[in-house]
Amino acid sequence: MIVVTGSVVARQDSFDEVRRLSLEHVHRSRKEPGCISHAVHVDCENALRLVFIEQWANGAALLTRVRYSSLTVPPRSSVEP
């Protein structure tokens, strides 16, 4: 199993949109072959940070996801640099 983590910090005025897009992304990923789990959480110490935790069956499943994912990236203006 491979575990992938990541995070993004939204701007205050765009948090709801970034959270919505993040949930859409997570729900799509869960349907992909080899995805064991994929979740997004709000950081308890920074309420604007969304933390992603993914579990994949193996490297091949993860590489397929990276190559062919329809990842929805929040607009750059919605997140902190």
PDB file of N, CA and C in Angstrom:
ATOM      1  N   MET A   1       0.849  -1.178   0.000  1.00  0.00           N
ATOM      2  CA  MET A   1       0.000   0.000   0.000  1.00  0.00           C
ATOM      3  C   MET A   1       0.890   1.234   0.000  1.00  0.00           C
ATOM      4  N   ILE A   2       0.448   2.253  -0.725  1.00  0.00           N
ATOM      5  CA  ILE A   2       1.155   3.532  -0.801  1.00  0.00           C
ATOM      6  C   ILE A   2       0.250   4.607  -0.210  1.00  0.00           C
ATOM      7  N   VAL A   3       0.821   5.438   0.664  1.00  0.00           N
ATOM      8  CA  VAL A   3       0.085   6.535   1.283  1.00  0.00           C
ATOM      9  C   VAL A   3       0.633   7.839   0.732  1.00  0.00           C
ATOM     10  N   VAL A   4      -0.276   8.702   0.289  1.00  0.00           N
ATOM     11  CA  VAL A   4       0.080  10.016  -0.243  1.00  0.00           C
ATOM     12  C   VAL A   4      -0.617  11.059   0.618  1.00  0.00           C
ATOM     13  N   THR A   5       0.120  12.090   1.022  1.00  0.00           N
ATOM     14  CA  THR A   5      -0.484  13.188   1.775  1.00  0.00           C
ATOM     15  C   THR A   5      -0.193  14.499   1.066  1.00  0.00           C
ATOM     16  N   GLY A   6      -1.034  15.462   1.311  1.00  0.00           N
ATOM     17  CA  GLY A   6      -0.836  16.796   0.749  1.00  0.00           C
ATOM     18  C   GLY A   6      -1.750  17.775   1.449  1.00  0.00           C
ATOM     19  N   SER A   7      -1.531  19.039   1.200  1.00  0.00           N
ATOM     20  CA  SER A   7      -2.400  20.045   1.810  1.00  0.00           C
ATOM     21  C   SER A   7      -2.419  21.302   0.958  1.00  0.00           C
ATOM     22  N   VAL A   8      -3.439  22.088   1.192  1.00  0.00           N
ATOM     23  CA  VAL A   8      -3.585  23.378   0.531  1.00  0.00           C
ATOM     24  C   VAL A   8      -4.188  24.331   1.558  1.00  0.00           C
ATOM     25  N   VAL A   9      -3.751  25.577   1.526  1.00  0.00           N
ATOM     26  CA  VAL A   9      -4.304  26.596   2.415  1.00  0.00           C
ATOM     27  C   VAL A   9      -5.130  27.547   1.559  1.00  0.00           C
ATOM     28  N   ALA A  10      -6.417  27.605   1.856  1.00  0.00           N
ATOM     29  CA  ALA A  10      -7.337  28.472   1.110  1.00  0.00           C
ATOM     30  C   ALA A  10      -7.308  29.885   1.680  1.00  0.00           C
ATOM     31  N   ARG A  11      -7.683  30.804   0.849  1.00  0.00           N
ATOM     32  CA  ARG A  11      -7.911  32.159   1.354  1.00  0.00           C
ATOM     33  C   ARG A  11      -9.249  32.164   2.086  1.00  0.00           C
ATOM     34  N   GLN A  12      -9.388  33.039   3.039  1.00  0.00           N
ATOM     35  CA  GLN A  12     -10.614  33.141   3.845  1.00  0.00           C
ATOM     36  C   GLN A  12     -11.851  33.296   2.958  1.00  0.00           C
ATOM     37  N   ASP A  13     -11.755  34.146   1.942  1.00  0.00           N
ATOM     38  CA  ASP A  13     -12.927  34.440   1.112  1.00  0.00           C
ATOM     39  C   ASP A  13     -13.250  33.356   0.087  1.00  0.00           C
ATOM     40  N   SER A  14     -12.399  32.334  -0.036  1.00  0.00           N
ATOM     41  CA  SER A  14     -12.656  31.282  -1.028  1.00  0.00           C
ATOM     42  C   SER A  14     -12.659  29.881  -0.416  1.00  0.00           C
ATOM     43  N   PHE A  15     -12.652  29.786   0.907  1.00  0.00           N
ATOM     44  CA  PHE A  15     -12.568  28.480   1.549  1.00  0.00           C
ATOM     45  C   PHE A  15     -13.695  27.546   1.115  1.00  0.00           C
ATOM     46  N   ASP A  16     -14.923  28.039   1.068  1.00  0.00           N
ATOM     47  CA  ASP A  16     -16.053  27.173   0.720  1.00  0.00           C
ATOM     48  C   ASP A  16     -15.897  26.581  -0.678  1.00  0.00           C
ATOM     49  N   GLU A  17     -15.426  27.376  -1.627  1.00  0.00           N
ATOM     50  CA  GLU A  17     -15.228  26.874  -2.984  1.00  0.00           C
ATOM     51  C   GLU A  17     -14.091  25.852  -3.023  1.00  0.00           C
ATOM     52  N   VAL A  18     -13.007  26.133  -2.341  1.00  0.00           N
ATOM     53  CA  VAL A  18     -11.875  25.205  -2.318  1.00  0.00           C
ATOM     54  C   VAL A  18     -12.294  23.890  -1.656  1.00  0.00           C
ATOM     55  N   ARG A  19     -13.071  23.971  -0.584  1.00  0.00           N
ATOM     56  CA  ARG A  19     -13.566  22.754   0.064  1.00  0.00           C
ATOM     57  C   ARG A  19     -14.476  21.966  -0.870  1.00  0.00           C
ATOM     58  N   ARG A  20     -15.360  22.640  -1.577  1.00  0.00           N
ATOM     59  CA  ARG A  20     -16.260  21.979  -2.525  1.00  0.00           C
ATOM     60  C   ARG A  20     -15.467  21.251  -3.611  1.00  0.00           C
ATOM     61  N   LEU A  21     -14.491  21.958  -4.207  1.00  0.00           N
ATOM     62  CA  LEU A  21     -13.663  21.345  -5.247  1.00  0.00           C
ATOM     63  C   LEU A  21     -12.850  20.176  -4.702  1.00  0.00           C
ATOM     64  N   SER A  22     -12.378  20.310  -3.475  1.00  0.00           N
ATOM     65  CA  SER A  22     -11.599  19.235  -2.856  1.00  0.00           C
ATOM     66  C   SER A  22     -12.457  17.984  -2.648  1.00  0.00           C
ATOM     67  N   LEU A  23     -13.679  18.173  -2.200  1.00  0.00           N
ATOM     68  CA  LEU A  23     -14.572  17.033  -2.011  1.00  0.00           C
ATOM     69  C   LEU A  23     -14.916  16.368  -3.339  1.00  0.00           C
ATOM     70  N   GLU A  24     -15.133  17.160  -4.385  1.00  0.00           N
ATOM     71  CA  GLU A  24     -15.390  16.592  -5.713  1.00  0.00           C
ATOM     72  C   GLU A  24     -14.198  15.732  -6.145  1.00  0.00           C
ATOM     73  N   HIS A  25     -12.999  16.245  -5.945  1.00  0.00           N
ATOM     74  CA  HIS A  25     -11.776  15.519  -6.303  1.00  0.00           C
ATOM     75  C   HIS A  25     -11.677  14.199  -5.535  1.00  0.00           C
ATOM     76  N   VAL A  26     -11.919  14.248  -4.235  1.00  0.00           N
ATOM     77  CA  VAL A  26     -11.844  13.056  -3.394  1.00  0.00           C
ATOM     78  C   VAL A  26     -12.873  12.019  -3.851  1.00  0.00           C
ATOM     79  N   HIS A  27     -14.089  12.451  -4.115  1.00  0.00           N
ATOM     80  CA  HIS A  27     -15.140  11.518  -4.528  1.00  0.00           C
ATOM     81  C   HIS A  27     -14.813  10.859  -5.868  1.00  0.00           C
ATOM     82  N   ARG A  28     -14.226  11.618  -6.798  1.00  0.00           N
ATOM     83  CA  ARG A  28     -13.795  11.033  -8.087  1.00  0.00           C
ATOM     84  C   ARG A  28     -12.694  10.010  -7.872  1.00  0.00           C
ATOM     85  N   SER A  29     -11.714  10.355  -7.055  1.00  0.00           N
ATOM     86  CA  SER A  29     -10.569   9.468  -6.836  1.00  0.00           C
ATOM     87  C   SER A  29     -10.994   8.150  -6.212  1.00  0.00           C
ATOM     88  N   ARG A  30     -11.969   8.179  -5.330  1.00  0.00           N
ATOM     89  CA  ARG A  30     -12.419   6.953  -4.666  1.00  0.00           C
ATOM     90  C   ARG A  30     -12.944   5.916  -5.660  1.00  0.00           C
ATOM     91  N   LYS A  31     -13.391   6.364  -6.818  1.00  0.00           N
ATOM     92  CA  LYS A  31     -13.932   5.460  -7.840  1.00  0.00           C
ATOM     93  C   LYS A  31     -12.845   4.865  -8.731  1.00  0.00           C
ATOM     94  N   GLU A  32     -11.618   5.364  -8.613  1.00  0.00           N
ATOM     95  CA  GLU A  32     -10.539   4.904  -9.481  1.00  0.00           C
ATOM     96  C   GLU A  32     -10.007   3.548  -9.023  1.00  0.00           C
ATOM     97  N   PRO A  33      -9.643   2.687  -9.991  1.00  0.00           N
ATOM     98  CA  PRO A  33      -9.093   1.373  -9.636  1.00  0.00           C
ATOM     99  C   PRO A  33      -7.843   1.516  -8.761  1.00  0.00           C
ATOM    100  N   GLY A  34      -7.791   0.728  -7.707  1.00  0.00           N
ATOM    101  CA  GLY A  34      -6.626   0.741  -6.831  1.00  0.00           C
ATOM    102  C   GLY A  34      -6.700   1.728  -5.686  1.00  0.00           C
ATOM    103  N   CYS A  35      -7.737   2.576  -5.660  1.00  0.00           N
ATOM    104  CA  CYS A  35      -7.887   3.527  -4.550  1.00  0.00           C
ATOM    105  C   CYS A  35      -8.505   2.797  -3.358  1.00  0.00           C
ATOM    106  N   ILE A  36      -7.753   2.709  -2.285  1.00  0.00           N
ATOM    107  CA  ILE A  36      -8.255   2.084  -1.059  1.00  0.00           C
ATOM    108  C   ILE A  36      -9.061   3.106  -0.266  1.00  0.00           C
ATOM    109  N   SER A  37      -8.538   4.309  -0.156  1.00  0.00           N
ATOM    110  CA  SER A  37      -9.267   5.396   0.506  1.00  0.00           C
ATOM    111  C   SER A  37      -8.672   6.732   0.075  1.00  0.00           C
ATOM    112  N   HIS A  38      -9.485   7.750   0.165  1.00  0.00           N
ATOM    113  CA  HIS A  38      -9.051   9.114  -0.148  1.00  0.00           C
ATOM    114  C   HIS A  38      -9.943  10.033   0.668  1.00  0.00           C
ATOM    115  N   ALA A  39      -9.340  10.895   1.466  1.00  0.00           N
ATOM    116  CA  ALA A  39     -10.099  11.767   2.352  1.00  0.00           C
ATOM    117  C   ALA A  39      -9.485  13.160   2.378  1.00  0.00           C
ATOM    118  N   VAL A  40     -10.316  14.121   2.738  1.00  0.00           N
ATOM    119  CA  VAL A  40      -9.854  15.490   2.955  1.00  0.00           C
ATOM    120  C   VAL A  40     -10.352  15.917   4.333  1.00  0.00           C
ATOM    121  N   HIS A  41      -9.476  16.572   5.092  1.00  0.00           N
ATOM    122  CA  HIS A  41      -9.774  16.985   6.462  1.00  0.00           C
ATOM    123  C   HIS A  41      -9.406  18.452   6.645  1.00  0.00           C
ATOM    124  N   VAL A  42     -10.079  19.099   7.578  1.00  0.00           N
ATOM    125  CA  VAL A  42      -9.723  20.468   7.964  1.00  0.00           C
ATOM    126  C   VAL A  42      -8.728  20.390   9.111  1.00  0.00           C
ATOM    127  N   ASP A  43      -7.627  21.102   8.991  1.00  0.00           N
ATOM    128  CA  ASP A  43      -6.570  21.143  10.010  1.00  0.00           C
ATOM    129  C   ASP A  43      -7.109  21.816  11.274  1.00  0.00           C
ATOM    130  N   CYS A  44      -6.937  21.172  12.418  1.00  0.00           N
ATOM    131  CA  CYS A  44      -7.411  21.733  13.696  1.00  0.00           C
ATOM    132  C   CYS A  44      -6.647  22.973  14.128  1.00  0.00           C
ATOM    133  N   GLU A  45      -5.427  23.146  13.633  1.00  0.00           N
ATOM    134  CA  GLU A  45      -4.617  24.299  14.030  1.00  0.00           C
ATOM    135  C   GLU A  45      -4.702  25.443  13.031  1.00  0.00           C
ATOM    136  N   ASN A  46      -5.184  25.167  11.826  1.00  0.00           N
ATOM    137  CA  ASN A  46      -5.347  26.206  10.806  1.00  0.00           C
ATOM    138  C   ASN A  46      -6.607  25.862  10.024  1.00  0.00           C
ATOM    139  N   ALA A  47      -7.696  26.506  10.356  1.00  0.00           N
ATOM    140  CA  ALA A  47      -9.008  26.175   9.790  1.00  0.00           C
ATOM    141  C   ALA A  47      -9.092  26.422   8.283  1.00  0.00           C
ATOM    142  N   LEU A  48      -8.097  27.076   7.688  1.00  0.00           N
ATOM    143  CA  LEU A  48      -8.101  27.305   6.248  1.00  0.00           C
ATOM    144  C   LEU A  48      -7.287  26.250   5.490  1.00  0.00           C
ATOM    145  N   ARG A  49      -6.613  25.358   6.214  1.00  0.00           N
ATOM    146  CA  ARG A  49      -5.799  24.308   5.574  1.00  0.00           C
ATOM    147  C   ARG A  49      -6.619  23.035   5.430  1.00  0.00           C
ATOM    148  N   LEU A  50      -6.655  22.523   4.200  1.00  0.00           N
ATOM    149  CA  LEU A  50      -7.281  21.239   3.913  1.00  0.00           C
ATOM    150  C   LEU A  50      -6.167  20.215   3.699  1.00  0.00           C
ATOM    151  N   VAL A  51      -6.259  19.091   4.386  1.00  0.00           N
ATOM    152  CA  VAL A  51      -5.241  18.050   4.342  1.00  0.00           C
ATOM    153  C   VAL A  51      -5.826  16.824   3.645  1.00  0.00           C
ATOM    154  N   PHE A  52      -5.099  16.315   2.660  1.00  0.00           N
ATOM    155  CA  PHE A  52      -5.524  15.158   1.887  1.00  0.00           C
ATOM    156  C   PHE A  52      -4.715  13.935   2.306  1.00  0.00           C
ATOM    157  N   ILE A  53      -5.399  12.806   2.461  1.00  0.00           N
ATOM    158  CA  ILE A  53      -4.740  11.538   2.751  1.00  0.00           C
ATOM    159  C   ILE A  53      -5.309  10.509   1.781  1.00  0.00           C
ATOM    160  N   GLU A  54      -4.409   9.916   0.999  1.00  0.00           N
ATOM    161  CA  GLU A  54      -4.804   8.922   0.007  1.00  0.00           C
ATOM    162  C   GLU A  54      -4.104   7.613   0.305  1.00  0.00           C
ATOM    163  N   GLN A  55      -4.780   6.500   0.075  1.00  0.00           N
ATOM    164  CA  GLN A  55      -4.176   5.176   0.175  1.00  0.00           C
ATOM    165  C   GLN A  55      -4.436   4.459  -1.145  1.00  0.00           C
ATOM    166  N   TRP A  56      -3.344   3.962  -1.748  1.00  0.00           N
ATOM    167  CA  TRP A  56      -3.421   3.278  -3.037  1.00  0.00           C
ATOM    168  C   TRP A  56      -2.882   1.862  -2.897  1.00  0.00           C
ATOM    169  N   ALA A  57      -3.458   0.942  -3.657  1.00  0.00           N
ATOM    170  CA  ALA A  57      -3.099  -0.474  -3.566  1.00  0.00           C
ATOM    171  C   ALA A  57      -1.642  -0.720  -3.906  1.00  0.00           C
ATOM    172  N   ASN A  58      -1.134   0.015  -4.915  1.00  0.00           N
ATOM    173  CA  ASN A  58       0.243  -0.204  -5.351  1.00  0.00           C
ATOM    174  C   ASN A  58       0.705   0.959  -6.223  1.00  0.00           C
ATOM    175  N   GLY A  59       1.951   0.924  -6.605  1.00  0.00           N
ATOM    176  CA  GLY A  59       2.519   2.000  -7.410  1.00  0.00           C
ATOM    177  C   GLY A  59       1.868   2.133  -8.768  1.00  0.00           C
ATOM    178  N   ALA A  60       1.485   1.007  -9.374  1.00  0.00           N
ATOM    179  CA  ALA A  60       0.849   1.055 -10.688  1.00  0.00           C
ATOM    180  C   ALA A  60      -0.480   1.814 -10.628  1.00  0.00           C
ATOM    181  N   ALA A  61      -1.267   1.573  -9.588  1.00  0.00           N
ATOM    182  CA  ALA A  61      -2.547   2.270  -9.438  1.00  0.00           C
ATOM    183  C   ALA A  61      -2.320   3.768  -9.257  1.00  0.00           C
ATOM    184  N   LEU A  62      -1.334   4.124  -8.456  1.00  0.00           N
ATOM    185  CA  LEU A  62      -1.041   5.538  -8.230  1.00  0.00           C
ATOM    186  C   LEU A  62      -0.555   6.212  -9.507  1.00  0.00           C
ATOM    187  N   LEU A  63       0.327   5.547 -10.254  1.00  0.00           N
ATOM    188  CA  LEU A  63       0.826   6.126 -11.505  1.00  0.00           C
ATOM    189  C   LEU A  63      -0.296   6.317 -12.511  1.00  0.00           C
ATOM    190  N   THR A  64      -1.212   5.366 -12.586  1.00  0.00           N
ATOM    191  CA  THR A  64      -2.356   5.502 -13.487  1.00  0.00           C
ATOM    192  C   THR A  64      -3.193   6.703 -13.084  1.00  0.00           C
ATOM    193  N   ARG A  65      -3.404   6.861 -11.811  1.00  0.00           N
ATOM    194  CA  ARG A  65      -4.190   7.992 -11.309  1.00  0.00           C
ATOM    195  C   ARG A  65      -3.521   9.323 -11.646  1.00  0.00           C
ATOM    196  N   VAL A  66      -2.213   9.394 -11.451  1.00  0.00           N
ATOM    197  CA  VAL A  66      -1.477  10.631 -11.714  1.00  0.00           C
ATOM    198  C   VAL A  66      -1.513  10.966 -13.206  1.00  0.00           C
ATOM    199  N   ARG A  67      -1.361   9.966 -14.051  1.00  0.00           N
ATOM    200  CA  ARG A  67      -1.330  10.191 -15.494  1.00  0.00           C
ATOM    201  C   ARG A  67      -2.680  10.587 -16.066  1.00  0.00           C
ATOM    202  N   TYR A  68      -3.744   9.970 -15.559  1.00  0.00           N
ATOM    203  CA  TYR A  68      -5.045  10.117 -16.209  1.00  0.00           C
ATOM    204  C   TYR A  68      -6.105  10.790 -15.353  1.00  0.00           C
ATOM    205  N   SER A  69      -5.720  11.277 -14.201  1.00  0.00           N
ATOM    206  CA  SER A  69      -6.687  11.898 -13.302  1.00  0.00           C
ATOM    207  C   SER A  69      -7.264  13.168 -13.904  1.00  0.00           C
ATOM    208  N   SER A  70      -8.543  13.365 -13.632  1.00  0.00           N
ATOM    209  CA  SER A  70      -9.191  14.620 -14.034  1.00  0.00           C
ATOM    210  C   SER A  70      -9.185  15.555 -12.843  1.00  0.00           C
ATOM    211  N   LEU A  71      -8.019  15.730 -12.271  1.00  0.00           N
ATOM    212  CA  LEU A  71      -7.832  16.557 -11.083  1.00  0.00           C
ATOM    213  C   LEU A  71      -8.360  17.971 -11.300  1.00  0.00           C
ATOM    214  N   THR A  72      -9.184  18.418 -10.382  1.00  0.00           N
ATOM    215  CA  THR A  72      -9.670  19.789 -10.396  1.00  0.00           C
ATOM    216  C   THR A  72      -8.838  20.576  -9.406  1.00  0.00           C
ATOM    217  N   VAL A  73      -8.052  21.474  -9.914  1.00  0.00           N
ATOM    218  CA  VAL A  73      -7.181  22.274  -9.073  1.00  0.00           C
ATOM    219  C   VAL A  73      -7.884  23.582  -8.742  1.00  0.00           C
ATOM    220  N   PRO A  74      -7.906  23.962  -7.470  1.00  0.00           N
ATOM    221  CA  PRO A  74      -8.520  25.244  -7.121  1.00  0.00           C
ATOM    222  C   PRO A  74      -7.804  26.373  -7.856  1.00  0.00           C
ATOM    223  N   PRO A  75      -8.543  27.394  -8.277  1.00  0.00           N
ATOM    224  CA  PRO A  75      -7.892  28.522  -8.923  1.00  0.00           C
ATOM    225  C   PRO A  75      -6.792  29.090  -8.027  1.00  0.00           C
ATOM    226  N   ARG A  76      -5.677  29.463  -8.639  1.00  0.00           N
ATOM    227  CA  ARG A  76      -4.531  29.967  -7.878  1.00  0.00           C
ATOM    228  C   ARG A  76      -4.935  31.131  -6.984  1.00  0.00           C
ATOM    229  N   SER A  77      -5.899  31.910  -7.420  1.00  0.00           N
ATOM    230  CA  SER A  77      -6.336  33.060  -6.619  1.00  0.00           C
ATOM    231  C   SER A  77      -7.123  32.635  -5.381  1.00  0.00           C
ATOM    232  N   SER A  78      -7.467  31.348  -5.276  1.00  0.00           N
ATOM    233  CA  SER A  78      -8.255  30.867  -4.145  1.00  0.00           C
ATOM    234  C   SER A  78      -7.420  30.338  -2.987  1.00  0.00           C
ATOM    235  N   VAL A  79      -6.125  30.134  -3.229  1.00  0.00           N
ATOM    236  CA  VAL A  79      -5.273  29.547  -2.213  1.00  0.00           C
ATOM    237  C   VAL A  79      -4.087  30.453  -1.907  1.00  0.00           C
ATOM    238  N   GLU A  80      -3.539  30.246  -0.727  1.00  0.00           N
ATOM    239  CA  GLU A  80      -2.363  31.012  -0.322  1.00  0.00           C
ATOM    240  C   GLU A  80      -1.141  30.460  -1.061  1.00  0.00           C
ATOM    241  N   PRO A  81      -0.163  31.314  -1.404  1.00  0.00           N
ATOM    242  CA  PRO A  81       1.045  30.823  -2.069  1.00  0.00           C
ATOM    243  C   PRO A  81       1.887  29.945  -1.168  1.00  0.00           C
TER     244      PRO A  81
END
